[in-house]
PDB file of all heavy atoms in Angstrom:
ATOM      1  N   CYS A   1      -2.471   0.325  -5.004  1.00  0.00           N
ATOM      2  CA  CYS A   1      -2.271   0.223  -3.577  1.00  0.00           C
ATOM      3  C   CYS A   1      -2.337   1.587  -2.926  1.00  0.00           C
ATOM      4  O   CYS A   1      -2.178   2.631  -3.592  1.00  0.00           O
ATOM      5  CB  CYS A   1      -0.924  -0.440  -3.255  1.00  0.00           C
ATOM      6  SG  CYS A   1      -0.818  -2.167  -3.776  1.00  0.00           S
ATOM      7  N   TYR A   2      -2.554   1.604  -1.616  1.00  0.00           N
ATOM      8  CA  TYR A   2      -2.652   2.832  -0.867  1.00  0.00           C
ATOM      9  C   TYR A   2      -1.344   2.981  -0.087  1.00  0.00           C
ATOM     10  O   TYR A   2      -1.042   2.223   0.801  1.00  0.00           O
ATOM     11  CB  TYR A   2      -3.840   2.769   0.093  1.00  0.00           C
ATOM     12  CG  TYR A   2      -4.241   4.086   0.698  1.00  0.00           C
ATOM     13  CD1 TYR A   2      -4.408   5.209  -0.095  1.00  0.00           C
ATOM     14  CD2 TYR A   2      -4.475   4.213   2.063  1.00  0.00           C
ATOM     15  CE1 TYR A   2      -4.783   6.433   0.453  1.00  0.00           C
ATOM     16  CE2 TYR A   2      -4.869   5.432   2.634  1.00  0.00           C
ATOM     17  CZ  TYR A   2      -5.027   6.536   1.808  1.00  0.00           C
ATOM     18  OH  TYR A   2      -5.410   7.729   2.352  1.00  0.00           O
ATOM     19  N   LEU A   3      -0.539   4.012  -0.459  1.00  0.00           N
ATOM     20  CA  LEU A   3       0.822   4.106   0.032  1.00  0.00           C
ATOM     21  C   LEU A   3       1.018   5.393   0.830  1.00  0.00           C
ATOM     22  O   LEU A   3       0.324   6.389   0.658  1.00  0.00           O
ATOM     23  CB  LEU A   3       1.822   4.058  -1.123  1.00  0.00           C
ATOM     24  CG  LEU A   3       1.705   2.875  -2.070  1.00  0.00           C
ATOM     25  CD1 LEU A   3       2.668   3.000  -3.232  1.00  0.00           C
ATOM     26  CD2 LEU A   3       1.960   1.558  -1.298  1.00  0.00           C
ATOM     27  N   LEU A   4       2.024   5.366   1.712  1.00  0.00           N
ATOM     28  CA  LEU A   4       2.430   6.520   2.522  1.00  0.00           C
ATOM     29  C   LEU A   4       3.770   7.004   2.030  1.00  0.00           C
ATOM     30  O   LEU A   4       4.698   6.225   1.868  1.00  0.00           O
ATOM     31  CB  LEU A   4       2.501   6.108   3.991  1.00  0.00           C
ATOM     32  CG  LEU A   4       2.966   7.175   4.975  1.00  0.00           C
ATOM     33  CD1 LEU A   4       1.983   8.350   5.038  1.00  0.00           C
ATOM     34  CD2 LEU A   4       3.114   6.561   6.386  1.00  0.00           C
ATOM     35  N   ASP A   5       3.879   8.302   1.812  1.00  0.00           N
ATOM     36  CA  ASP A   5       5.130   8.939   1.400  1.00  0.00           C
ATOM     37  C   ASP A   5       5.590   9.863   2.545  1.00  0.00           C
ATOM     38  O   ASP A   5       4.996  10.906   2.766  1.00  0.00           O
ATOM     39  CB  ASP A   5       4.955   9.730   0.114  1.00  0.00           C
ATOM     40  CG  ASP A   5       6.247  10.353  -0.406  1.00  0.00           C
ATOM     41  OD1 ASP A   5       7.299  10.098   0.211  1.00  0.00           O
ATOM     42  OD2 ASP A   5       6.216  11.087  -1.417  1.00  0.00           O
ATOM     43  N   ILE A   6       6.645   9.446   3.251  1.00  0.00           N
ATOM     44  CA  ILE A   6       7.119  10.198   4.391  1.00  0.00           C
ATOM     45  C   ILE A   6       8.213  11.180   3.951  1.00  0.00           C
ATOM     46  O   ILE A   6       9.171  10.798   3.294  1.00  0.00           O
ATOM     47  CB  ILE A   6       7.667   9.219   5.458  1.00  0.00           C
ATOM     48  CG1 ILE A   6       6.518   8.379   6.006  1.00  0.00           C
ATOM     49  CG2 ILE A   6       8.340  10.009   6.603  1.00  0.00           C
ATOM     50  CD1 ILE A   6       6.940   7.295   6.909  1.00  0.00           C
ATOM     51  N   GLY A   7       8.038  12.435   4.350  1.00  0.00           N
ATOM     52  CA  GLY A   7       8.938  13.474   3.864  1.00  0.00           C
ATOM     53  C   GLY A   7       8.661  13.771   2.418  1.00  0.00           C
ATOM     54  O   GLY A   7       9.587  13.854   1.613  1.00  0.00           O
ATOM     55  N   CYS A   8       7.370  13.925   2.061  1.00  0.00           N
ATOM     56  CA  CYS A   8       6.971  13.978   0.656  1.00  0.00           C
ATOM     57  C   CYS A   8       7.429  15.259  -0.057  1.00  0.00           C
ATOM     58  O   CYS A   8       7.491  15.276  -1.279  1.00  0.00           O
ATOM     59  CB  CYS A   8       5.464  13.870   0.550  1.00  0.00           C
ATOM     60  SG  CYS A   8       4.547  15.226   1.346  1.00  0.00           S
ATOM     61  N   GLY A   9       7.773  16.306   0.681  1.00  0.00           N
ATOM     62  CA  GLY A   9       8.249  17.544   0.064  1.00  0.00           C
ATOM     63  C   GLY A   9       7.242  18.123  -0.901  1.00  0.00           C
ATOM     64  O   GLY A   9       6.071  18.290  -0.579  1.00  0.00           O
ATOM     65  N   THR A  10       7.676  18.424  -2.125  1.00  0.00           N
ATOM     66  CA  THR A  10       6.800  19.051  -3.119  1.00  0.00           C
ATOM     67  C   THR A  10       6.012  18.013  -3.918  1.00  0.00           C
ATOM     68  O   THR A  10       5.336  18.376  -4.892  1.00  0.00           O
ATOM     69  CB  THR A  10       7.632  19.881  -4.094  1.00  0.00           C
ATOM     70  OG1 THR A  10       8.595  19.057  -4.743  1.00  0.00           O
ATOM     71  CG2 THR A  10       8.366  20.996  -3.343  1.00  0.00           C
ATOM     72  N   GLY A  11       6.089  16.749  -3.560  1.00  0.00           N
ATOM     73  CA  GLY A  11       5.251  15.725  -4.200  1.00  0.00           C
ATOM     74  C   GLY A  11       5.862  15.059  -5.402  1.00  0.00           C
ATOM     75  O   GLY A  11       5.143  14.379  -6.157  1.00  0.00           O
ATOM     76  N   LEU A  12       7.167  15.184  -5.598  1.00  0.00           N
ATOM     77  CA  LEU A  12       7.805  14.563  -6.768  1.00  0.00           C
ATOM     78  C   LEU A  12       7.704  13.047  -6.734  1.00  0.00           C
ATOM     79  O   LEU A  12       7.383  12.413  -7.727  1.00  0.00           O
ATOM     80  CB  LEU A  12       9.254  15.003  -6.897  1.00  0.00           C
ATOM     81  CG  LEU A  12       9.509  16.492  -7.187  1.00  0.00           C
ATOM     82  CD1 LEU A  12      11.007  16.811  -7.150  1.00  0.00           C
ATOM     83  CD2 LEU A  12       8.926  16.873  -8.543  1.00  0.00           C
ATOM     84  N   SER A  13       7.994  12.478  -5.569  1.00  0.00           N
ATOM     85  CA  SER A  13       7.902  11.028  -5.421  1.00  0.00           C
ATOM     86  C   SER A  13       6.441  10.572  -5.572  1.00  0.00           C
ATOM     87  O   SER A  13       6.159   9.542  -6.169  1.00  0.00           O
ATOM     88  CB  SER A  13       8.435  10.572  -4.080  1.00  0.00           C
ATOM     89  OG  SER A  13       9.777  10.930  -3.925  1.00  0.00           O
ATOM     90  N   GLY A  14       5.537  11.349  -5.000  1.00  0.00           N
ATOM     91  CA  GLY A  14       4.127  11.044  -5.098  1.00  0.00           C
ATOM     92  C   GLY A  14       3.632  11.054  -6.541  1.00  0.00           C
ATOM     93  O   GLY A  14       2.773  10.249  -6.908  1.00  0.00           O
ATOM     94  N   ASP A  15       4.156  11.978  -7.349  1.00  0.00           N
ATOM     95  CA  ASP A  15       3.747  12.014  -8.757  1.00  0.00           C
ATOM     96  C   ASP A  15       4.111  10.690  -9.441  1.00  0.00           C
ATOM     97  O   ASP A  15       3.350  10.185 -10.253  1.00  0.00           O
ATOM     98  CB  ASP A  15       4.484  13.151  -9.461  1.00  0.00           C
ATOM     99  CG  ASP A  15       3.872  14.509  -9.140  1.00  0.00           C
ATOM    100  OD1 ASP A  15       2.790  14.548  -8.539  1.00  0.00           O
ATOM    101  OD2 ASP A  15       4.507  15.529  -9.465  1.00  0.00           O
ATOM    102  N   TYR A  16       5.255  10.131  -9.093  1.00  0.00           N
ATOM    103  CA  TYR A  16       5.647   8.851  -9.666  1.00  0.00           C
ATOM    104  C   TYR A  16       4.684   7.755  -9.227  1.00  0.00           C
ATOM    105  O   TYR A  16       4.289   6.892 -10.011  1.00  0.00           O
ATOM    106  CB  TYR A  16       7.084   8.492  -9.276  1.00  0.00           C
ATOM    107  CG  TYR A  16       7.563   7.196  -9.900  1.00  0.00           C
ATOM    108  CD1 TYR A  16       8.114   7.185 -11.173  1.00  0.00           C
ATOM    109  CD2 TYR A  16       7.455   5.988  -9.230  1.00  0.00           C
ATOM    110  CE1 TYR A  16       8.511   6.000 -11.748  1.00  0.00           C
ATOM    111  CE2 TYR A  16       7.855   4.803  -9.791  1.00  0.00           C
ATOM    112  CZ  TYR A  16       8.392   4.816 -11.085  1.00  0.00           C
ATOM    113  OH  TYR A  16       8.805   3.638 -11.655  1.00  0.00           O
ATOM    114  N   LEU A  17       4.313   7.752  -7.946  1.00  0.00           N
ATOM    115  CA  LEU A  17       3.366   6.768  -7.448  1.00  0.00           C
ATOM    116  C   LEU A  17       2.038   6.893  -8.189  1.00  0.00           C
ATOM    117  O   LEU A  17       1.430   5.863  -8.539  1.00  0.00           O
ATOM    118  CB  LEU A  17       3.137   6.963  -5.937  1.00  0.00           C
ATOM    119  CG  LEU A  17       4.349   6.807  -5.022  1.00  0.00           C
ATOM    120  CD1 LEU A  17       3.958   7.034  -3.561  1.00  0.00           C
ATOM    121  CD2 LEU A  17       4.972   5.424  -5.188  1.00  0.00           C
ATOM    122  N   SER A  18       1.582   8.116  -8.434  1.00  0.00           N
ATOM    123  CA  SER A  18       0.330   8.293  -9.174  1.00  0.00           C
ATOM    124  C   SER A  18       0.443   7.783 -10.597  1.00  0.00           C
ATOM    125  O   SER A  18      -0.467   7.135 -11.111  1.00  0.00           O
ATOM    126  CB  SER A  18      -0.029   9.796  -9.206  1.00  0.00           C
ATOM    127  OG  SER A  18      -0.301  10.262  -7.901  1.00  0.00           O
ATOM    128  N   GLU A  19       1.571   8.037 -11.226  1.00  0.00           N
ATOM    129  CA  GLU A  19       1.768   7.566 -12.631  1.00  0.00           C
ATOM    130  C   GLU A  19       1.776   6.048 -12.693  1.00  0.00           C
ATOM    131  O   GLU A  19       1.441   5.486 -13.710  1.00  0.00           O
ATOM    132  CB  GLU A  19       3.070   8.147 -13.172  1.00  0.00           C
ATOM    133  CG  GLU A  19       3.023   9.640 -13.425  1.00  0.00           C
ATOM    134  CD  GLU A  19       4.341  10.194 -13.880  1.00  0.00           C
ATOM    135  OE1 GLU A  19       5.299   9.391 -14.035  1.00  0.00           O
ATOM    136  OE2 GLU A  19       4.452  11.418 -14.092  1.00  0.00           O
ATOM    137  N   GLU A  20       2.192   5.413 -11.600  1.00  0.00           N
ATOM    138  CA  GLU A  20       2.199   3.931 -11.552  1.00  0.00           C
ATOM    139  C   GLU A  20       0.847   3.363 -11.119  1.00  0.00           C
ATOM    140  O   GLU A  20       0.712   2.151 -10.934  1.00  0.00           O
ATOM    141  CB  GLU A  20       3.288   3.437 -10.604  1.00  0.00           C
ATOM    142  CG  GLU A  20       4.712   3.691 -11.118  1.00  0.00           C
ATOM    143  CD  GLU A  20       4.975   2.935 -12.398  1.00  0.00           C
ATOM    144  OE1 GLU A  20       4.796   1.684 -12.419  1.00  0.00           O
ATOM    145  OE2 GLU A  20       5.369   3.567 -13.403  1.00  0.00           O
ATOM    146  N   GLY A  21      -0.140   4.247 -10.949  1.00  0.00           N
ATOM    147  CA  GLY A  21      -1.488   3.765 -10.690  1.00  0.00           C
ATOM    148  C   GLY A  21      -1.866   3.599  -9.208  1.00  0.00           C
ATOM    149  O   GLY A  21      -2.871   3.011  -8.907  1.00  0.00           O
ATOM    150  N   HIS A  22      -1.035   4.150  -8.296  1.00  0.00           N
ATOM    151  CA  HIS A  22      -1.287   3.990  -6.865  1.00  0.00           C
ATOM    152  C   HIS A  22      -1.877   5.253  -6.261  1.00  0.00           C
ATOM    153  O   HIS A  22      -1.740   6.341  -6.834  1.00  0.00           O
ATOM    154  CB  HIS A  22       0.017   3.633  -6.144  1.00  0.00           C
ATOM    155  CG  HIS A  22       0.649   2.346  -6.621  1.00  0.00           C
ATOM    156  ND1 HIS A  22       0.047   1.124  -6.479  1.00  0.00           N
ATOM    157  CD2 HIS A  22       1.797   2.139  -7.278  1.00  0.00           C
ATOM    158  CE1 HIS A  22       0.838   0.187  -7.001  1.00  0.00           C
ATOM    159  NE2 HIS A  22       1.906   0.788  -7.516  1.00  0.00           N
ATOM    160  N   TYR A  23      -2.522   5.111  -5.129  1.00  0.00           N
ATOM    161  CA  TYR A  23      -3.011   6.229  -4.352  1.00  0.00           C
ATOM    162  C   TYR A  23      -2.095   6.439  -3.180  1.00  0.00           C
ATOM    163  O   TYR A  23      -1.532   5.489  -2.632  1.00  0.00           O
ATOM    164  CB  TYR A  23      -4.463   5.954  -3.871  1.00  0.00           C
ATOM    165  CG  TYR A  23      -5.393   5.601  -4.981  1.00  0.00           C
ATOM    166  CD1 TYR A  23      -5.846   4.284  -5.178  1.00  0.00           C
ATOM    167  CD2 TYR A  23      -5.823   6.571  -5.887  1.00  0.00           C
ATOM    168  CE1 TYR A  23      -6.698   3.978  -6.199  1.00  0.00           C
ATOM    169  CE2 TYR A  23      -6.683   6.264  -6.926  1.00  0.00           C
ATOM    170  CZ  TYR A  23      -7.121   4.953  -7.090  1.00  0.00           C
ATOM    171  OH  TYR A  23      -7.947   4.656  -8.121  1.00  0.00           O
ATOM    172  N   TRP A  24      -1.940   7.686  -2.731  1.00  0.00           N
ATOM    173  CA  TRP A  24      -0.949   7.928  -1.684  1.00  0.00           C
ATOM    174  C   TRP A  24      -1.312   9.118  -0.822  1.00  0.00           C
ATOM    175  O   TRP A  24      -2.109   9.997  -1.196  1.00  0.00           O
ATOM    176  CB  TRP A  24       0.448   8.140  -2.324  1.00  0.00           C
ATOM    177  CG  TRP A  24       0.499   9.310  -3.258  1.00  0.00           C
ATOM    178  CD1 TRP A  24       0.116   9.293  -4.591  1.00  0.00           C
ATOM    179  CD2 TRP A  24       0.974  10.627  -2.982  1.00  0.00           C
ATOM    180  NE1 TRP A  24       0.343  10.530  -5.157  1.00  0.00           N
ATOM    181  CE2 TRP A  24       0.858  11.380  -4.205  1.00  0.00           C
ATOM    182  CE3 TRP A  24       1.499  11.237  -1.871  1.00  0.00           C
ATOM    183  CZ2 TRP A  24       1.243  12.713  -4.305  1.00  0.00           C
ATOM    184  CZ3 TRP A  24       1.892  12.586  -1.954  1.00  0.00           C
ATOM    185  CH2 TRP A  24       1.744  13.297  -3.136  1.00  0.00           C
ATOM    186  N   VAL A  25      -0.719   9.115   0.347  1.00  0.00           N
ATOM    187  CA  VAL A  25      -0.792  10.232   1.287  1.00  0.00           C
ATOM    188  C   VAL A  25       0.627  10.665   1.618  1.00  0.00           C
ATOM    189  O   VAL A  25       1.504   9.794   1.877  1.00  0.00           O
ATOM    190  CB  VAL A  25      -1.530   9.826   2.581  1.00  0.00           C
ATOM    191  CG1 VAL A  25      -1.498  10.963   3.617  1.00  0.00           C
ATOM    192  CG2 VAL A  25      -2.977   9.442   2.291  1.00  0.00           C
ATOM    193  N   GLY A  26       0.881  11.943   1.594  1.00  0.00           N
ATOM    194  CA  GLY A  26       2.212  12.467   1.901  1.00  0.00           C
ATOM    195  C   GLY A  26       2.230  13.242   3.206  1.00  0.00           C
ATOM    196  O   GLY A  26       1.302  13.992   3.496  1.00  0.00           O
ATOM    197  N   ILE A  27       3.270  13.067   4.003  1.00  0.00           N
ATOM    198  CA  ILE A  27       3.444  13.837   5.236  1.00  0.00           C
ATOM    199  C   ILE A  27       4.789  14.524   5.199  1.00  0.00           C
ATOM    200  O   ILE A  27       5.790  13.958   4.794  1.00  0.00           O
ATOM    201  CB  ILE A  27       3.304  12.905   6.478  1.00  0.00           C
ATOM    202  CG1 ILE A  27       3.463  13.731   7.774  1.00  0.00           C
ATOM    203  CG2 ILE A  27       4.316  11.773   6.439  1.00  0.00           C
ATOM    204  CD1 ILE A  27       3.149  12.916   9.023  1.00  0.00           C
ATOM    205  N   ASP A  28       4.788  15.825   5.608  1.00  0.00           N
ATOM    206  CA  ASP A  28       6.033  16.594   5.633  1.00  0.00           C
ATOM    207  C   ASP A  28       5.949  17.651   6.698  1.00  0.00           C
ATOM    208  O   ASP A  28       4.867  18.119   7.041  1.00  0.00           O
ATOM    209  CB  ASP A  28       6.268  17.244   4.262  1.00  0.00           C
ATOM    210  CG  ASP A  28       7.728  17.622   4.040  1.00  0.00           C
ATOM    211  OD1 ASP A  28       8.191  18.626   4.578  1.00  0.00           O
ATOM    212  OD2 ASP A  28       8.433  16.850   3.341  1.00  0.00           O
ATOM    213  N   ILE A  29       7.123  18.014   7.240  1.00  0.00           N
ATOM    214  CA  ILE A  29       7.184  18.962   8.330  1.00  0.00           C
ATOM    215  C   ILE A  29       7.230  20.408   7.848  1.00  0.00           C
ATOM    216  O   ILE A  29       7.030  21.351   8.621  1.00  0.00           O
ATOM    217  CB  ILE A  29       8.416  18.686   9.225  1.00  0.00           C
ATOM    218  CG1 ILE A  29       8.285  19.387  10.587  1.00  0.00           C
ATOM    219  CG2 ILE A  29       9.688  19.090   8.500  1.00  0.00           C
ATOM    220  CD1 ILE A  29       9.382  18.983  11.567  1.00  0.00           C
ATOM    221  N   SER A  30       7.445  20.604   6.535  1.00  0.00           N
ATOM    222  CA  SER A  30       7.607  21.947   5.970  1.00  0.00           C
ATOM    223  C   SER A  30       6.330  22.450   5.308  1.00  0.00           C
ATOM    224  O   SER A  30       5.913  21.913   4.274  1.00  0.00           O
ATOM    225  CB  SER A  30       8.749  21.937   4.956  1.00  0.00           C
ATOM    226  OG  SER A  30       8.791  23.138   4.231  1.00  0.00           O
ATOM    227  N   PRO A  31       5.723  23.505   5.842  1.00  0.00           N
ATOM    228  CA  PRO A  31       4.547  24.098   5.202  1.00  0.00           C
ATOM    229  C   PRO A  31       4.870  24.617   3.803  1.00  0.00           C
ATOM    230  O   PRO A  31       4.024  24.531   2.891  1.00  0.00           O
ATOM    231  CB  PRO A  31       4.145  25.258   6.148  1.00  0.00           C
ATOM    232  CG  PRO A  31       4.746  24.900   7.472  1.00  0.00           C
ATOM    233  CD  PRO A  31       6.009  24.175   7.147  1.00  0.00           C
ATOM    234  N   ALA A  32       6.073  25.178   3.626  1.00  0.00           N
ATOM    235  CA  ALA A  32       6.439  25.717   2.308  1.00  0.00           C
ATOM    236  C   ALA A  32       6.486  24.606   1.252  1.00  0.00           C
ATOM    237  O   ALA A  32       6.036  24.797   0.106  1.00  0.00           O
ATOM    238  CB  ALA A  32       7.796  26.411   2.410  1.00  0.00           C
ATOM    239  N   MET A  33       7.030  23.459   1.621  1.00  0.00           N
ATOM    240  CA  MET A  33       7.081  22.312   0.687  1.00  0.00           C
ATOM    241  C   MET A  33       5.680  21.875   0.322  1.00  0.00           C
ATOM    242  O   MET A  33       5.391  21.565  -0.866  1.00  0.00           O
ATOM    243  CB  MET A  33       7.878  21.173   1.321  1.00  0.00           C
ATOM    244  CG  MET A  33       9.362  21.403   1.398  1.00  0.00           C
ATOM    245  SD  MET A  33      10.159  21.320  -0.218  1.00  0.00           S
ATOM    246  CE  MET A  33      11.877  21.286   0.279  1.00  0.00           C
ATOM    247  N   LEU A  34       4.798  21.786   1.301  1.00  0.00           N
ATOM    248  CA  LEU A  34       3.440  21.322   1.022  1.00  0.00           C
ATOM    249  C   LEU A  34       2.663  22.337   0.179  1.00  0.00           C
ATOM    250  O   LEU A  34       1.860  21.965  -0.662  1.00  0.00           O
ATOM    251  CB  LEU A  34       2.709  21.062   2.347  1.00  0.00           C
ATOM    252  CG  LEU A  34       3.270  19.922   3.202  1.00  0.00           C
ATOM    253  CD1 LEU A  34       2.472  19.774   4.487  1.00  0.00           C
ATOM    254  CD2 LEU A  34       3.296  18.593   2.411  1.00  0.00           C
ATOM    255  N   ASP A  35       2.931  23.632   0.423  1.00  0.00           N
ATOM    256  CA  ASP A  35       2.303  24.660  -0.421  1.00  0.00           C
ATOM    257  C   ASP A  35       2.757  24.507  -1.887  1.00  0.00           C
ATOM    258  O   ASP A  35       1.955  24.650  -2.790  1.00  0.00           O
ATOM    259  CB  ASP A  35       2.675  26.062   0.085  1.00  0.00           C
ATOM    260  CG  ASP A  35       1.943  26.427   1.359  1.00  0.00           C
ATOM    261  OD1 ASP A  35       0.919  25.775   1.668  1.00  0.00           O
ATOM    262  OD2 ASP A  35       2.374  27.348   2.069  1.00  0.00           O
ATOM    263  N   ALA A  36       4.059  24.194  -2.061  1.00  0.00           N
ATOM    264  CA  ALA A  36       4.567  23.986  -3.416  1.00  0.00           C
ATOM    265  C   ALA A  36       3.920  22.760  -4.048  1.00  0.00           C
ATOM    266  O   ALA A  36       3.622  22.744  -5.250  1.00  0.00           O
ATOM    267  CB  ALA A  36       6.076  23.833  -3.376  1.00  0.00           C
ATOM    268  N   ALA A  37       3.690  21.714  -3.248  1.00  0.00           N
ATOM    269  CA  ALA A  37       3.000  20.514  -3.748  1.00  0.00           C
ATOM    270  C   ALA A  37       1.563  20.858  -4.184  1.00  0.00           C
ATOM    271  O   ALA A  37       1.093  20.369  -5.225  1.00  0.00           O
ATOM    272  CB  ALA A  37       3.004  19.435  -2.699  1.00  0.00           C
TER     273      ALA A  37
END
Protein backbone atom coordinates (compact mmCIF):
# COMPACT_ATOMS: atom_id res chain seq x y z
CA CYS A 1 0.00 0.00 0.00
CA TYR A 2 0.96 3.64 -0.42
CA LEU A 3 1.08 5.23 3.02
CA LEU A 4 1.67 8.67 4.54
CA ASP A 5 3.89 9.08 7.61
CA ILE A 6 3.19 12.41 9.33
CA GLY A 7 5.99 13.72 11.52
CA CYS A 8 8.31 11.11 10.02
CA GLY A 9 11.45 12.46 11.72
CA THR A 10 14.53 10.41 10.84
CA GLY A 11 12.46 7.73 9.10
CA LEU A 12 12.37 5.05 11.80
CA SER A 13 8.65 4.42 11.37
CA GLY A 14 9.07 4.50 7.61
CA ASP A 15 11.76 1.84 7.80
CA TYR A 16 9.22 -0.45 9.45
CA LEU A 17 6.69 0.29 6.70
CA SER A 18 9.31 -0.59 4.08
CA GLU A 19 10.17 -3.83 5.85
CA GLU A 20 6.48 -4.74 5.77
CA GLY A 21 6.45 -4.28 2.00
CA HIS A 22 4.72 -0.88 1.76
CA TYR A 23 5.64 2.33 -0.03
CA TRP A 24 5.47 5.59 1.87
CA VAL A 25 5.94 9.34 1.89
CA GLY A 26 7.08 11.15 5.02
CA ILE A 27 6.43 14.78 5.96
CA ASP A 28 8.21 16.64 8.75
CA ILE A 29 8.74 20.26 9.81
CA SER A 30 12.38 19.75 10.82
CA PRO A 31 15.07 20.02 8.11
CA ALA A 32 17.60 18.45 10.50
CA MET A 33 15.41 15.38 10.98
CA LEU A 34 14.93 14.96 7.24
CA ASP A 35 18.67 15.34 6.63
CA ALA A 36 19.24 12.55 9.15
CA ALA A 37 16.68 10.42 7.31
